[in-house]
Amino acid sequence: MLLIKSIILGLSVSAPVGPVGLLCIQRILSRGKTAGFMTGLGASSANLFYASIAAFGFSIVSSFLIEQKFALRIVGAIFLLYLGIKTFLKKPAKSASNLKGESMVSMFLSTFLLMITNPVTILNFVAMFAGLGFDQSSTSIGSAVSLIIGVFLGAVSWWLILSSVVSLLRNKITTHLGLVNKLAGLMIVVLGIMTFIE
């Protein structure tokens, strides 16, 4: 039951379309389904890292990361601005299979780095896990592992669904890819600016 709840939690954490969702959609349209999924997998892996800290109560690590949240937020905001401007200026690819300059590994890593610059995610997971009735002090390691695996599976499932759906619609949208790049880039830049202001 805990596994099912945590899978739903993983889905709900990933579903809101933020900078990663926009990046994922843009990459699916320009590079194909696998590129979008690798983008989502990077985000899911960062969530896995923070969910593990929240579930196992690594207080020293979480305290350090939360103490550094301002510096990490600045890094995250700069990275968002970089990704936004890069997306805005990107010329539409002539073919979805053209992967020059951006490997699948770099797509994974860029998203992982973007997500890992938000250590407050630990606190979000602690609150959400408490909402599921999970208690670090009295719950077994097996339950903690089940919770973490569930969150990861839920997140990965969302990115797989999003990649598949957008990929199916790609032919209809690809003709407008230049506009999609501009809108996605602009929105990511705005999110980066908002991160600075917060």
Protein backbone atom coordinates (compact mmCIF):
# COMPACT_ATOMS: atom_id res chain seq x y z
CA MET A 1 0.00 0.00 0.00
CA LEU A 2 2.88 2.37 0.86
CA LEU A 3 4.47 1.60 -2.52
CA ILE A 4 1.28 2.52 -4.39
CA LYS A 5 0.91 5.74 -2.37
CA SER A 6 4.53 6.70 -3.04
CA ILE A 7 4.16 5.98 -6.79
CA ILE A 8 1.18 8.38 -6.84
CA LEU A 9 3.30 10.89 -4.88
CA GLY A 10 6.12 10.57 -7.44
CA LEU A 11 3.65 11.19 -10.26
CA SER A 12 2.12 14.24 -8.55
CA VAL A 13 5.53 15.77 -7.73
CA SER A 14 6.65 15.51 -11.38
CA ALA A 15 3.39 16.42 -13.15
CA PRO A 16 3.28 20.23 -12.71
CA VAL A 17 4.82 21.80 -15.82
CA GLY A 18 7.76 23.87 -14.58
CA PRO A 19 11.12 24.58 -16.22
CA VAL A 20 11.97 20.88 -16.50
CA GLY A 21 8.61 20.07 -18.10
CA LEU A 22 9.11 22.86 -20.65
CA LEU A 23 12.65 21.68 -21.35
CA CYS A 24 11.42 18.11 -21.72
CA ILE A 25 8.69 19.10 -24.21
CA GLN A 26 11.09 21.26 -26.23
CA ARG A 27 13.65 18.46 -26.40
CA ILE A 28 11.03 15.89 -27.46
CA LEU A 29 9.93 18.15 -30.30
CA SER A 30 13.44 18.91 -31.49
CA ARG A 31 15.31 15.70 -30.59
CA GLY A 32 12.73 12.96 -30.17
CA LYS A 33 11.08 10.88 -27.45
CA THR A 34 14.31 9.46 -25.96
CA ALA A 35 15.76 12.95 -25.46
CA GLY A 36 12.64 13.99 -23.55
CA PHE A 37 12.71 10.86 -21.42
CA MET A 38 16.42 11.34 -20.55
CA THR A 39 15.59 14.91 -19.49
CA GLY A 40 12.86 13.58 -17.19
CA LEU A 41 15.13 10.81 -15.92
CA GLY A 42 17.65 13.44 -14.79
CA ALA A 43 14.91 15.18 -12.80
CA SER A 44 13.70 11.86 -11.33
CA SER A 45 17.25 10.97 -10.24
CA ALA A 46 17.60 14.29 -8.40
CA ASN A 47 14.25 13.62 -6.68
CA LEU A 48 15.51 10.12 -5.80
CA PHE A 49 18.57 11.68 -4.13
CA TYR A 50 16.52 14.14 -2.07
CA ALA A 51 13.81 11.58 -1.25
CA SER A 52 16.53 9.25 0.10
CA ILE A 53 17.88 12.00 2.38
CA ALA A 54 14.33 12.75 3.59
CA ALA A 55 13.42 9.09 4.16
CA PHE A 56 16.62 8.03 5.91
CA GLY A 57 16.98 11.27 7.87
CA PHE A 58 20.52 12.23 6.87
CA SER A 59 20.31 15.29 9.10
CA ILE A 60 23.94 16.38 8.59
CA VAL A 61 23.62 16.32 4.79
CA SER A 62 20.17 17.93 4.73
CA SER A 63 21.22 20.64 7.22
CA PHE A 64 24.28 21.50 5.13
CA LEU A 65 22.28 21.63 1.89
CA ILE A 66 19.54 23.75 3.42
CA GLU A 67 22.17 26.12 4.89
CA GLN A 68 23.57 26.52 1.36
CA LYS A 69 20.12 27.02 -0.21
CA PHE A 70 20.77 30.68 -1.10
CA ALA A 71 23.99 29.88 -2.99
CA LEU A 72 22.37 26.86 -4.64
CA ARG A 73 19.33 28.94 -5.60
CA ILE A 74 21.62 31.49 -7.31
CA VAL A 75 23.36 28.66 -9.19
CA GLY A 76 19.97 27.21 -10.15
CA ALA A 77 18.68 30.62 -11.31
CA ILE A 78 21.79 31.23 -13.45
CA PHE A 79 21.46 27.75 -14.93
CA LEU A 80 17.79 28.42 -15.70
CA LEU A 81 18.68 31.69 -17.43
CA TYR A 82 21.36 29.89 -19.44
CA LEU A 83 18.96 27.10 -20.47
CA GLY A 84 16.21 29.62 -21.28
CA ILE A 85 18.42 31.78 -23.50
CA LYS A 86 19.91 28.70 -25.17
CA THR A 87 16.39 27.33 -25.86
CA PHE A 88 15.14 30.73 -27.10
CA LEU A 89 18.01 31.08 -29.58
CA LYS A 90 17.96 27.45 -30.72
CA LYS A 91 17.15 26.97 -34.38
CA PRO A 92 14.63 24.19 -35.11
CA ALA A 93 16.34 20.87 -35.88
CA LYS A 94 15.82 19.56 -39.39
CA SER A 95 15.42 16.04 -38.06
CA ALA A 96 14.55 14.62 -34.65
CA SER A 97 17.44 12.17 -34.79
CA ASN A 98 20.06 14.90 -35.21
CA LEU A 99 21.90 14.90 -31.88
CA LYS A 100 25.00 16.93 -32.72
CA GLY A 101 26.39 18.82 -29.75
CA GLU A 102 23.99 17.34 -27.20
CA SER A 103 24.30 13.73 -26.14
CA MET A 104 21.66 11.87 -24.15
CA VAL A 105 24.06 11.87 -21.18
CA SER A 106 24.38 15.68 -21.30
CA MET A 107 20.57 15.99 -21.42
CA PHE A 108 20.34 13.77 -18.33
CA LEU A 109 23.10 15.65 -16.47
CA SER A 110 21.85 19.15 -17.30
CA THR A 111 18.43 18.36 -15.83
CA PHE A 112 19.91 16.56 -12.83
CA LEU A 113 22.08 19.61 -12.05
CA LEU A 114 19.12 21.95 -12.46
CA MET A 115 17.01 19.93 -10.01
CA ILE A 116 19.79 19.31 -7.49
CA THR A 117 20.20 23.09 -6.92
CA ASN A 118 16.92 23.14 -4.95
CA PRO A 119 17.68 21.54 -1.54
CA VAL A 120 14.34 22.75 -0.12
CA THR A 121 12.99 19.69 -1.98
CA ILE A 122 14.17 17.68 1.06
CA LEU A 123 11.72 19.58 3.28
CA ASN A 124 8.95 19.04 0.73
CA PHE A 125 9.60 15.30 0.78
CA VAL A 126 9.72 15.21 4.59
CA ALA A 127 6.30 16.92 4.71
CA MET A 128 4.84 14.68 1.99
CA PHE A 129 6.21 11.51 3.61
CA ALA A 130 4.68 12.58 6.94
CA GLY A 131 1.40 13.04 5.10
CA LEU A 132 1.64 9.41 3.97
CA GLY A 133 2.08 8.35 7.60
CA PHE A 134 5.82 7.68 7.28
CA ASP A 135 7.85 8.28 10.45
CA GLN A 136 11.69 8.14 10.24
CA SER A 137 12.08 7.12 13.87
CA SER A 138 9.64 4.21 13.92
CA THR A 139 9.48 2.91 10.33
CA SER A 140 11.63 0.05 9.04
CA ILE A 141 14.39 0.41 6.44
CA GLY A 142 12.30 -1.78 4.12
CA SER A 143 9.45 0.74 4.25
CA ALA A 144 11.84 3.61 3.59
CA VAL A 145 13.29 1.81 0.55
CA SER A 146 9.77 1.01 -0.68
CA LEU A 147 8.82 4.69 -0.32
CA ILE A 148 11.89 5.91 -2.25
CA ILE A 149 11.48 3.33 -5.03
CA GLY A 150 7.79 4.25 -5.34
CA VAL A 151 8.57 7.98 -5.68
CA PHE A 152 11.19 7.21 -8.35
CA LEU A 153 8.88 4.85 -10.29
CA GLY A 154 6.05 7.39 -10.16
CA ALA A 155 8.30 10.19 -11.43
CA VAL A 156 9.78 8.04 -14.22
CA SER A 157 6.27 6.94 -15.22
CA TRP A 158 5.19 10.57 -15.60
CA TRP A 159 8.15 11.43 -17.83
CA LEU A 160 7.52 8.33 -19.93
CA ILE A 161 3.84 9.30 -20.36
CA LEU A 162 4.73 12.92 -21.21
CA SER A 163 7.44 11.85 -23.67
CA SER A 164 5.07 9.40 -25.39
CA VAL A 165 2.13 11.83 -25.66
CA VAL A 166 4.20 14.77 -26.92
CA SER A 167 6.04 12.44 -29.32
CA LEU A 168 2.69 11.33 -30.81
CA LEU A 169 1.72 14.97 -31.39
CA ARG A 170 5.19 15.96 -32.62
CA ASN A 171 4.36 15.94 -36.34
CA LYS A 172 1.56 18.46 -35.77
CA ILE A 173 3.69 20.74 -33.61
CA THR A 174 7.12 20.46 -35.32
CA THR A 175 6.18 22.97 -38.04
CA HIS A 176 5.83 25.54 -35.24
CA LEU A 177 9.03 24.44 -33.45
CA GLY A 178 10.68 27.85 -33.83
CA LEU A 179 7.80 29.45 -31.95
CA VAL A 180 7.79 26.63 -29.36
CA ASN A 181 11.54 27.20 -28.74
CA LYS A 182 10.98 30.95 -28.29
CA LEU A 183 8.02 30.51 -25.90
CA ALA A 184 9.69 27.73 -23.88
CA GLY A 185 12.95 29.70 -23.68
CA LEU A 186 11.15 32.86 -22.60
CA MET A 187 9.18 31.02 -19.90
CA ILE A 188 12.34 29.34 -18.56
CA VAL A 189 14.09 32.75 -18.41
CA VAL A 190 11.10 34.20 -16.53
CA LEU A 191 11.25 31.29 -14.05
CA GLY A 192 14.98 31.94 -13.62
CA ILE A 193 14.34 35.63 -12.88
CA MET A 194 11.59 34.67 -10.41
CA THR A 195 14.07 32.36 -8.65
CA PHE A 196 16.43 35.33 -8.19
CA ILE A 197 13.64 37.55 -6.81
CA GLU A 198 12.18 35.01 -4.33
